Amino acid sequence: MASTTLTADNFEKTVLGEDIVLVDFWAEWCGPCRQFAPVFEAASEEHDDIVFGKVDTEAEQALAAAANITSIPTLMAFRDGILVFAQPGALPASALQQVIDGVRGLDMDAIRAEIAADQGTEQGAGQGGDATPGA
């Protein structure tokens, strides 16, 4: 499966609607982006169970800003709609494969539990440390 162009119109639907989504934030003028592009495309052909999306940061400046992209290329990985990896820089094929293997191997129940625990801590922080709703 080849990579898909992601825009503000389809980004959220894609990330939330698929099991694993890898997103390459790039720009035409970026040398490292041009180096990483064939690696990303080759991986997209090998892993048809993963959505490989590309966001042109020049055409989608608001989307890039919302994703806090400060350096390109930046690779993000989402699993079950949750951001599980983000790293700037062009990766060699072996490192991209490690990311893919790592994302596939995640225990998402544990990650969701960790997120829920973190959210409880954040909510309780402004309430004198008591995270009990309504307390």
N, C-alpha and C. Protein backbone atom coordinates (compact mmCIF):
# COMPACT_ATOMS: atom_id res chain seq x y z
N MET A 1 0.85 -1.18 0.00
CA MET A 1 0.00 0.00 0.00
C MET A 1 0.89 1.24 0.00
N ALA A 2 0.67 2.12 -0.92
CA ALA A 2 1.45 3.35 -1.01
C ALA A 2 1.01 4.33 0.07
N SER A 3 1.82 5.35 0.28
CA SER A 3 1.48 6.34 1.29
C SER A 3 0.28 7.18 0.84
N THR A 4 -0.37 7.79 1.83
CA THR A 4 -1.57 8.58 1.63
C THR A 4 -1.27 10.02 2.01
N THR A 5 -1.77 10.96 1.23
CA THR A 5 -1.63 12.37 1.58
C THR A 5 -2.64 12.69 2.68
N LEU A 6 -2.14 13.24 3.78
CA LEU A 6 -3.02 13.64 4.87
C LEU A 6 -3.13 15.15 4.90
N THR A 7 -4.35 15.62 5.13
CA THR A 7 -4.63 17.05 5.20
C THR A 7 -5.44 17.31 6.47
N ALA A 8 -5.72 18.56 6.71
CA ALA A 8 -6.55 18.91 7.86
C ALA A 8 -7.92 18.23 7.76
N ASP A 9 -8.38 17.98 6.55
CA ASP A 9 -9.69 17.37 6.35
C ASP A 9 -9.75 15.89 6.70
N ASN A 10 -8.63 15.16 6.52
CA ASN A 10 -8.68 13.71 6.74
C ASN A 10 -7.73 13.20 7.81
N PHE A 11 -6.94 14.06 8.42
CA PHE A 11 -5.94 13.62 9.39
C PHE A 11 -6.57 12.91 10.59
N GLU A 12 -7.49 13.60 11.26
CA GLU A 12 -8.09 13.05 12.48
C GLU A 12 -8.85 11.75 12.18
N LYS A 13 -9.63 11.74 11.10
CA LYS A 13 -10.39 10.55 10.73
C LYS A 13 -9.45 9.38 10.48
N THR A 14 -8.35 9.63 9.82
CA THR A 14 -7.39 8.57 9.51
C THR A 14 -6.74 8.05 10.78
N VAL A 15 -6.25 8.95 11.63
CA VAL A 15 -5.56 8.55 12.85
C VAL A 15 -6.49 7.79 13.80
N LEU A 16 -7.73 8.26 13.91
CA LEU A 16 -8.68 7.63 14.83
C LEU A 16 -9.33 6.38 14.24
N GLY A 17 -9.34 6.26 12.92
CA GLY A 17 -10.05 5.18 12.27
C GLY A 17 -9.23 3.97 11.89
N GLU A 18 -7.94 4.02 12.13
CA GLU A 18 -7.06 2.92 11.74
C GLU A 18 -6.29 2.41 12.95
N ASP A 19 -5.83 1.17 12.87
CA ASP A 19 -5.09 0.56 13.98
C ASP A 19 -3.73 1.26 14.15
N ILE A 20 -2.90 1.22 13.12
CA ILE A 20 -1.58 1.84 13.18
C ILE A 20 -1.45 2.82 12.02
N VAL A 21 -1.03 4.04 12.34
CA VAL A 21 -0.81 5.08 11.34
C VAL A 21 0.56 5.70 11.60
N LEU A 22 1.41 5.68 10.57
CA LEU A 22 2.69 6.39 10.62
C LEU A 22 2.55 7.64 9.77
N VAL A 23 2.99 8.77 10.30
CA VAL A 23 2.84 10.04 9.59
C VAL A 23 4.21 10.68 9.43
N ASP A 24 4.53 11.02 8.19
CA ASP A 24 5.76 11.72 7.84
C ASP A 24 5.40 13.17 7.56
N PHE A 25 5.86 14.08 8.42
CA PHE A 25 5.71 15.52 8.19
C PHE A 25 6.93 15.97 7.42
N TRP A 26 6.74 16.57 6.25
CA TRP A 26 7.83 16.85 5.33
C TRP A 26 7.56 18.15 4.57
N ALA A 27 8.57 18.57 3.79
CA ALA A 27 8.41 19.69 2.86
C ALA A 27 9.31 19.43 1.65
N GLU A 28 8.88 19.94 0.51
CA GLU A 28 9.59 19.72 -0.75
C GLU A 28 11.04 20.23 -0.69
N TRP A 29 11.26 21.36 -0.04
CA TRP A 29 12.58 21.99 -0.02
C TRP A 29 13.56 21.33 0.95
N CYS A 30 13.08 20.39 1.74
CA CYS A 30 13.86 19.79 2.84
C CYS A 30 14.69 18.61 2.33
N GLY A 31 16.01 18.75 2.37
CA GLY A 31 16.91 17.68 1.92
C GLY A 31 16.73 16.38 2.69
N PRO A 32 16.76 16.41 4.03
CA PRO A 32 16.55 15.18 4.78
C PRO A 32 15.18 14.55 4.51
N CYS A 33 14.18 15.37 4.22
CA CYS A 33 12.85 14.85 3.87
C CYS A 33 12.93 14.05 2.58
N ARG A 34 13.67 14.57 1.61
CA ARG A 34 13.82 13.87 0.33
C ARG A 34 14.61 12.58 0.51
N GLN A 35 15.54 12.55 1.48
CA GLN A 35 16.28 11.32 1.78
C GLN A 35 15.37 10.27 2.40
N PHE A 36 14.49 10.71 3.30
CA PHE A 36 13.63 9.79 4.02
C PHE A 36 12.46 9.28 3.17
N ALA A 37 12.01 10.05 2.20
CA ALA A 37 10.83 9.71 1.40
C ALA A 37 10.89 8.31 0.79
N PRO A 38 11.99 7.91 0.13
CA PRO A 38 12.00 6.56 -0.45
C PRO A 38 11.99 5.45 0.61
N VAL A 39 12.59 5.71 1.77
CA VAL A 39 12.57 4.73 2.87
C VAL A 39 11.14 4.55 3.35
N PHE A 40 10.42 5.66 3.53
CA PHE A 40 9.03 5.64 3.99
C PHE A 40 8.14 4.93 2.97
N GLU A 41 8.34 5.25 1.68
CA GLU A 41 7.54 4.63 0.62
C GLU A 41 7.79 3.13 0.54
N ALA A 42 9.04 2.72 0.66
CA ALA A 42 9.37 1.30 0.60
C ALA A 42 8.70 0.55 1.76
N ALA A 43 8.72 1.15 2.93
CA ALA A 43 8.07 0.52 4.09
C ALA A 43 6.56 0.44 3.87
N SER A 44 5.99 1.44 3.23
CA SER A 44 4.55 1.42 2.98
C SER A 44 4.16 0.28 2.05
N GLU A 45 5.06 -0.10 1.17
CA GLU A 45 4.80 -1.23 0.27
C GLU A 45 4.93 -2.57 0.99
N GLU A 46 5.75 -2.62 2.02
CA GLU A 46 5.99 -3.86 2.76
C GLU A 46 4.93 -4.15 3.83
N HIS A 47 4.30 -3.11 4.35
CA HIS A 47 3.41 -3.26 5.51
C HIS A 47 2.01 -2.77 5.15
N ASP A 48 1.23 -3.64 4.50
CA ASP A 48 -0.08 -3.21 4.05
C ASP A 48 -1.12 -3.14 5.16
N ASP A 49 -0.74 -3.53 6.38
CA ASP A 49 -1.65 -3.42 7.52
C ASP A 49 -1.50 -2.08 8.24
N ILE A 50 -0.58 -1.26 7.78
CA ILE A 50 -0.31 0.05 8.40
C ILE A 50 -0.62 1.14 7.40
N VAL A 51 -1.24 2.23 7.87
CA VAL A 51 -1.46 3.40 7.03
C VAL A 51 -0.22 4.28 7.13
N PHE A 52 0.37 4.60 6.00
CA PHE A 52 1.51 5.50 5.92
C PHE A 52 1.00 6.81 5.33
N GLY A 53 0.96 7.85 6.15
CA GLY A 53 0.46 9.14 5.71
C GLY A 53 1.57 10.17 5.64
N LYS A 54 1.41 11.09 4.70
CA LYS A 54 2.38 12.17 4.54
C LYS A 54 1.66 13.51 4.65
N VAL A 55 2.25 14.40 5.44
CA VAL A 55 1.71 15.75 5.60
C VAL A 55 2.75 16.73 5.06
N ASP A 56 2.38 17.43 4.00
CA ASP A 56 3.22 18.49 3.44
C ASP A 56 3.06 19.71 4.35
N THR A 57 4.11 20.01 5.11
CA THR A 57 4.02 21.08 6.10
C THR A 57 3.85 22.47 5.47
N GLU A 58 4.22 22.61 4.20
CA GLU A 58 4.01 23.89 3.52
C GLU A 58 2.54 24.07 3.17
N ALA A 59 1.91 23.02 2.67
CA ALA A 59 0.51 23.08 2.27
C ALA A 59 -0.42 23.00 3.48
N GLU A 60 0.04 22.37 4.55
CA GLU A 60 -0.80 22.14 5.74
C GLU A 60 -0.15 22.77 6.98
N GLN A 61 0.09 24.07 6.90
CA GLN A 61 0.78 24.76 7.99
C GLN A 61 0.01 24.71 9.30
N ALA A 62 -1.29 24.85 9.25
CA ALA A 62 -2.09 24.81 10.48
C ALA A 62 -2.03 23.42 11.11
N LEU A 63 -2.08 22.39 10.30
CA LEU A 63 -2.00 21.01 10.80
C LEU A 63 -0.62 20.76 11.41
N ALA A 64 0.43 21.22 10.75
CA ALA A 64 1.78 21.06 11.28
C ALA A 64 1.93 21.81 12.60
N ALA A 65 1.35 22.99 12.69
CA ALA A 65 1.40 23.76 13.94
C ALA A 65 0.64 23.05 15.04
N ALA A 66 -0.53 22.50 14.72
CA ALA A 66 -1.33 21.79 15.71
C ALA A 66 -0.60 20.56 16.23
N ALA A 67 0.23 19.96 15.37
CA ALA A 67 1.00 18.78 15.76
C ALA A 67 2.34 19.16 16.41
N ASN A 68 2.57 20.46 16.61
CA ASN A 68 3.79 20.97 17.23
C ASN A 68 5.05 20.55 16.47
N ILE A 69 4.97 20.58 15.15
CA ILE A 69 6.12 20.23 14.32
C ILE A 69 7.07 21.42 14.30
N THR A 70 8.28 21.21 14.79
CA THR A 70 9.29 22.28 14.81
C THR A 70 10.50 21.93 13.96
N SER A 71 10.57 20.69 13.50
CA SER A 71 11.69 20.22 12.69
C SER A 71 11.16 19.16 11.73
N ILE A 72 11.68 19.18 10.50
CA ILE A 72 11.25 18.17 9.53
C ILE A 72 12.47 17.49 8.93
N PRO A 73 12.31 16.25 8.53
CA PRO A 73 11.11 15.46 8.67
C PRO A 73 10.87 15.08 10.13
N THR A 74 9.62 14.91 10.48
CA THR A 74 9.24 14.36 11.77
C THR A 74 8.34 13.16 11.50
N LEU A 75 8.65 12.06 12.16
CA LEU A 75 7.83 10.86 12.05
C LEU A 75 7.00 10.73 13.32
N MET A 76 5.70 10.52 13.15
CA MET A 76 4.81 10.24 14.27
C MET A 76 4.16 8.89 14.01
N ALA A 77 3.95 8.15 15.10
CA ALA A 77 3.24 6.88 15.02
C ALA A 77 2.06 6.93 15.97
N PHE A 78 0.92 6.52 15.46
CA PHE A 78 -0.31 6.45 16.24
C PHE A 78 -0.78 5.01 16.25
N ARG A 79 -1.24 4.57 17.40
CA ARG A 79 -1.83 3.24 17.50
C ARG A 79 -3.15 3.40 18.24
N ASP A 80 -4.20 2.91 17.64
CA ASP A 80 -5.55 3.05 18.20
C ASP A 80 -5.88 4.51 18.52
N GLY A 81 -5.41 5.41 17.67
CA GLY A 81 -5.69 6.83 17.84
C GLY A 81 -4.83 7.54 18.86
N ILE A 82 -3.86 6.84 19.44
CA ILE A 82 -3.00 7.41 20.48
C ILE A 82 -1.60 7.63 19.91
N LEU A 83 -1.07 8.83 20.10
CA LEU A 83 0.30 9.11 19.68
C LEU A 83 1.26 8.32 20.56
N VAL A 84 2.03 7.41 19.96
CA VAL A 84 2.92 6.55 20.73
C VAL A 84 4.39 6.77 20.39
N PHE A 85 4.66 7.57 19.35
CA PHE A 85 6.05 7.83 18.96
C PHE A 85 6.08 9.12 18.17
N ALA A 86 7.08 9.95 18.42
CA ALA A 86 7.31 11.15 17.63
C ALA A 86 8.80 11.47 17.69
N GLN A 87 9.40 11.63 16.51
CA GLN A 87 10.83 11.92 16.48
C GLN A 87 11.18 12.65 15.19
N PRO A 88 11.89 13.77 15.31
CA PRO A 88 12.37 14.44 14.10
C PRO A 88 13.61 13.74 13.55
N GLY A 89 13.83 13.91 12.27
CA GLY A 89 15.03 13.38 11.63
C GLY A 89 14.71 12.25 10.67
N ALA A 90 15.54 12.15 9.64
CA ALA A 90 15.39 11.09 8.65
C ALA A 90 15.93 9.78 9.23
N LEU A 91 15.13 8.74 9.18
CA LEU A 91 15.53 7.44 9.70
C LEU A 91 16.00 6.53 8.57
N PRO A 92 17.01 5.72 8.83
CA PRO A 92 17.35 4.67 7.86
C PRO A 92 16.29 3.58 7.93
N ALA A 93 16.26 2.72 6.93
CA ALA A 93 15.24 1.67 6.85
C ALA A 93 15.22 0.79 8.10
N SER A 94 16.39 0.47 8.62
CA SER A 94 16.45 -0.42 9.79
C SER A 94 15.82 0.24 11.02
N ALA A 95 16.03 1.53 11.18
CA ALA A 95 15.43 2.24 12.33
C ALA A 95 13.93 2.38 12.16
N LEU A 96 13.48 2.62 10.93
CA LEU A 96 12.03 2.69 10.69
C LEU A 96 11.40 1.33 10.99
N GLN A 97 12.07 0.26 10.62
CA GLN A 97 11.54 -1.08 10.92
C GLN A 97 11.47 -1.30 12.43
N GLN A 98 12.44 -0.80 13.17
CA GLN A 98 12.41 -0.91 14.63
C GLN A 98 11.20 -0.17 15.21
N VAL A 99 10.91 1.00 14.66
CA VAL A 99 9.75 1.76 15.11
C VAL A 99 8.47 0.96 14.84
N ILE A 100 8.37 0.42 13.64
CA ILE A 100 7.20 -0.36 13.26
C ILE A 100 7.03 -1.56 14.19
N ASP A 101 8.12 -2.30 14.41
CA ASP A 101 8.07 -3.46 15.31
C ASP A 101 7.68 -3.04 16.73
N GLY A 102 8.23 -1.92 17.19
CA GLY A 102 7.93 -1.43 18.53
C GLY A 102 6.47 -1.04 18.68
N VAL A 103 5.93 -0.36 17.68
CA VAL A 103 4.53 0.06 17.73
C VAL A 103 3.62 -1.16 17.70
N ARG A 104 3.95 -2.13 16.86
CA ARG A 104 3.14 -3.36 16.80
C ARG A 104 3.16 -4.12 18.13
N GLY A 105 4.28 -4.05 18.84
CA GLY A 105 4.44 -4.81 20.07
C GLY A 105 3.90 -4.14 21.32
N LEU A 106 3.36 -2.96 21.18
CA LEU A 106 2.87 -2.23 22.36
C LEU A 106 1.67 -2.91 23.01
N ASP A 107 1.63 -2.85 24.32
CA ASP A 107 0.48 -3.31 25.09
C ASP A 107 -0.44 -2.09 25.25
N MET A 108 -1.43 -1.99 24.38
CA MET A 108 -2.27 -0.80 24.35
C MET A 108 -3.16 -0.70 25.58
N ASP A 109 -3.53 -1.82 26.20
CA ASP A 109 -4.31 -1.74 27.43
C ASP A 109 -3.50 -1.06 28.52
N ALA A 110 -2.21 -1.38 28.60
CA ALA A 110 -1.33 -0.75 29.59
C ALA A 110 -1.17 0.74 29.28
N ILE A 111 -1.05 1.09 28.01
CA ILE A 111 -0.89 2.50 27.63
C ILE A 111 -2.16 3.28 27.96
N ARG A 112 -3.33 2.70 27.65
CA ARG A 112 -4.58 3.40 27.99
C ARG A 112 -4.72 3.57 29.50
N ALA A 113 -4.32 2.57 30.27
CA ALA A 113 -4.37 2.67 31.74
C ALA A 113 -3.43 3.77 32.23
N GLU A 114 -2.26 3.85 31.63
CA GLU A 114 -1.29 4.89 32.01
C GLU A 114 -1.83 6.28 31.69
N ILE A 115 -2.45 6.42 30.52
CA ILE A 115 -3.04 7.71 30.14
C ILE A 115 -4.15 8.08 31.12
N ALA A 116 -5.00 7.13 31.46
CA ALA A 116 -6.09 7.39 32.40
C ALA A 116 -5.53 7.81 33.76
N ALA A 117 -4.47 7.15 34.20
CA ALA A 117 -3.86 7.50 35.49
C ALA A 117 -3.26 8.90 35.43
N ASP A 118 -2.60 9.23 34.31
CA ASP A 118 -2.01 10.57 34.15
C ASP A 118 -3.09 11.64 34.15
N GLN A 119 -4.21 11.37 33.48
CA GLN A 119 -5.30 12.34 33.44
C GLN A 119 -5.90 12.54 34.82
N GLY A 120 -6.00 11.48 35.59
CA GLY A 120 -6.49 11.59 36.96
C GLY A 120 -5.57 12.44 37.81
N THR A 121 -4.27 12.28 37.62
CA THR A 121 -3.28 13.07 38.35
C THR A 121 -3.37 14.54 37.96
N GLU A 122 -3.53 14.81 36.66
CA GLU A 122 -3.63 16.19 36.19
C GLU A 122 -4.88 16.85 36.73
N GLN A 123 -6.00 16.14 36.73
CA GLN A 123 -7.24 16.71 37.24
C GLN A 123 -7.14 16.99 38.72
N GLY A 124 -6.49 16.11 39.45
CA GLY A 124 -6.36 16.27 40.89
C GLY A 124 -5.38 17.35 41.29
N ALA A 125 -4.47 17.70 40.39
CA ALA A 125 -3.41 18.67 40.74
C ALA A 125 -3.99 20.02 41.12
N GLY A 126 -5.08 20.43 40.47
CA GLY A 126 -5.65 21.73 40.79
C GLY A 126 -6.68 21.66 41.91
N GLN A 127 -6.86 20.50 42.51
CA GLN A 127 -7.90 20.32 43.53
C GLN A 127 -7.28 19.88 44.85
N GLY A 128 -6.13 20.40 45.17
CA GLY A 128 -5.50 20.04 46.41
C GLY A 128 -5.02 18.60 46.46
N GLY A 129 -4.84 17.99 45.28
CA GLY A 129 -4.32 16.64 45.21
C GLY A 129 -5.38 15.57 45.25
N ASP A 130 -6.64 15.92 45.50
CA ASP A 130 -7.71 14.92 45.54
C ASP A 130 -8.29 14.79 44.14
N ALA A 131 -8.10 13.61 43.52
CA ALA A 131 -8.56 13.40 42.15
C ALA A 131 -9.98 12.88 42.09
N THR A 132 -10.68 12.84 43.21
CA THR A 132 -12.04 12.37 43.23
C THR A 132 -12.95 13.41 42.58
N PRO A 133 -13.72 13.02 41.55
CA PRO A 133 -14.60 13.99 40.89
C PRO A 133 -15.57 14.59 41.90
N GLY A 134 -15.72 15.90 41.81
CA GLY A 134 -16.67 16.59 42.66
C GLY A 134 -16.16 16.88 44.05
N ALA A 135 -14.92 16.48 44.35
CA ALA A 135 -14.39 16.69 45.71
C ALA A 135 -13.89 18.10 45.89
